[in-house]
Protein backbone atom coordinates (compact mmCIF):
# COMPACT_ATOMS: atom_id res chain seq x y z
CA MET A 1 24.30 -0.06 -12.07
CA GLU A 2 23.31 -3.56 -13.16
CA GLN A 3 22.92 -4.63 -9.52
CA PHE A 4 20.58 -1.69 -8.89
CA ALA A 5 18.43 -2.61 -11.91
CA SER A 6 18.34 -6.22 -10.76
CA ALA A 7 17.34 -5.23 -7.20
CA LYS A 8 14.66 -2.87 -8.52
CA GLN A 9 13.28 -5.62 -10.77
CA ALA A 10 13.22 -8.07 -7.85
CA LEU A 11 11.36 -5.52 -5.70
CA LEU A 12 8.76 -4.88 -8.42
CA GLU A 13 8.30 -8.63 -8.94
CA ALA A 14 7.73 -9.02 -5.20
CA LEU A 15 5.24 -6.13 -5.30
CA ALA A 16 3.27 -7.75 -8.13
CA ARG A 17 3.33 -11.14 -6.37
CA GLU A 18 2.12 -9.66 -3.06
CA VAL A 19 -0.66 -7.66 -4.73
CA GLU A 20 -1.93 -10.83 -6.37
CA GLU A 21 -1.53 -13.03 -3.28
CA GLU A 22 -3.14 -10.50 -0.93
CA THR A 23 -6.01 -9.34 -3.18
CA GLY A 24 -6.33 -11.52 -6.27
CA TRP A 25 -5.68 -8.46 -8.44
CA ARG A 26 -3.02 -8.28 -11.16
CA LEU A 27 -0.57 -5.38 -11.05
CA THR A 28 -0.71 -3.57 -14.40
CA ARG A 29 1.28 -0.39 -13.77
CA VAL A 30 3.40 1.23 -11.10
CA ARG A 31 2.47 4.89 -11.25
CA ARG A 32 4.81 6.22 -8.60
CA PHE A 33 7.13 5.30 -5.76
CA LEU A 34 5.72 7.05 -2.67
CA GLY A 35 8.68 6.52 -0.40
CA THR A 36 10.04 4.26 2.29
CA THR A 37 8.83 4.31 5.87
CA THR A 38 10.74 2.83 8.79
CA TRP A 39 8.78 1.81 11.88
CA THR A 40 9.00 -0.52 14.84
CA GLY A 41 6.64 -3.48 14.88
CA ASP A 42 4.68 -4.33 18.01
CA ASP A 43 5.67 -8.01 17.86
CA GLY A 44 9.24 -7.60 19.12
CA GLY A 45 10.62 -8.07 15.61
CA GLY A 46 12.43 -4.73 15.59
CA LEU A 47 12.57 -2.19 12.79
CA ARG A 48 10.51 -2.60 9.63
CA HIS A 49 11.20 -0.92 6.31
CA GLU A 50 8.19 -0.47 4.05
CA ALA A 51 8.35 0.68 0.42
CA ASP A 52 5.04 2.16 -0.76
CA TYR A 53 3.84 2.53 -4.33
CA LEU A 54 0.84 4.00 -6.11
CA VAL A 55 -0.23 1.27 -8.55
CA GLU A 56 -2.92 0.35 -11.05
CA VAL A 57 -4.41 -3.13 -10.94
CA ASP A 58 -6.71 -5.33 -12.96
CA GLY A 59 -9.40 -7.26 -11.12
CA ASP A 60 -12.72 -6.89 -9.34
CA LEU A 61 -12.07 -3.86 -7.13
CA ASP A 62 -15.35 -4.35 -5.27
CA HIS A 63 -14.55 -7.94 -4.31
CA PRO A 64 -10.88 -8.51 -3.54
CA MET A 65 -9.89 -12.08 -2.74
CA LEU A 66 -8.30 -11.28 0.62
CA GLU A 67 -6.22 -13.67 2.64
CA TRP A 68 -8.53 -13.51 5.67
CA SER A 69 -5.80 -14.94 7.92
CA LYS A 70 -3.88 -11.70 7.26
CA HIS A 71 -6.72 -9.20 6.80
CA SER A 72 -9.91 -8.67 8.75
CA ALA A 73 -11.35 -5.89 6.58
CA TYR A 74 -10.75 -3.59 3.64
CA ASP A 75 -12.14 -0.27 2.46
CA TRP A 76 -11.57 2.49 -0.08
CA PHE A 77 -10.44 5.94 1.01
CA GLY A 78 -10.49 9.24 -0.81
CA PRO A 79 -10.29 12.91 0.10
CA ASP A 80 -13.75 12.94 1.69
CA ASN A 81 -13.21 10.15 4.24
CA LEU A 82 -9.50 10.16 5.08
CA ALA A 83 -10.24 11.17 8.68
CA ARG A 84 -11.51 7.61 9.30
CA LEU A 85 -7.91 6.43 9.00
CA LYS A 86 -7.12 8.33 12.21
CA GLU A 87 -9.87 6.66 14.22
CA ASN A 88 -8.61 4.66 17.21
CA CYS A 89 -5.06 5.91 16.63
CA GLY A 90 -2.92 7.71 19.15
CA PRO A 91 -0.60 10.62 18.40
CA GLY A 92 2.14 9.56 16.02
CA GLU A 93 0.14 6.60 14.69
CA PHE A 94 -1.03 8.25 11.47
CA MET A 95 1.43 6.58 9.08
CA ILE A 96 -1.28 5.07 6.85
CA HIS A 97 -3.38 8.25 6.91
CA ASP A 98 -0.43 10.44 6.00
CA LEU A 99 0.70 8.14 3.20
CA ILE A 100 -2.76 7.93 1.62
CA ALA A 101 -3.39 11.67 2.08
CA ARG A 102 -0.15 12.46 0.23
CA ALA A 103 -0.97 10.01 -2.58
CA VAL A 104 -4.49 11.40 -3.00
CA ALA A 105 -3.25 15.00 -3.00
CA GLU A 106 -0.58 14.28 -5.61
CA HIS A 107 -2.68 11.89 -7.71
CA PRO A 108 -6.44 12.49 -7.44
CA PRO A 109 -8.54 9.30 -7.68
CA MET A 110 -9.46 8.09 -11.15
CA PRO A 111 -13.17 7.54 -11.83
CA ARG A 112 -14.25 3.94 -11.21
């Protein structure tokens, strides 16, 4: 059981570090584990395993400090504009849409 707690703590530390590195925001609360998705990358690297969380952060939500070498854009999505996440996607390429749709349905957006 101690190994599990240690692995969980390491994963949450990595999550907080990545949130800060990728956006400049500080992770303040993990609201919910959304699940793990396994997919094949298009770079020949094989299977990927992605753990997704619904989190709360502290920082300027309108001006994230993105690592532009890793991200070309960002946007906010809610129930009214989720269909945009399917644009330019083929059948079976709706992983992000489906994940966000489930999170929004289970946890409606908080007022900003």
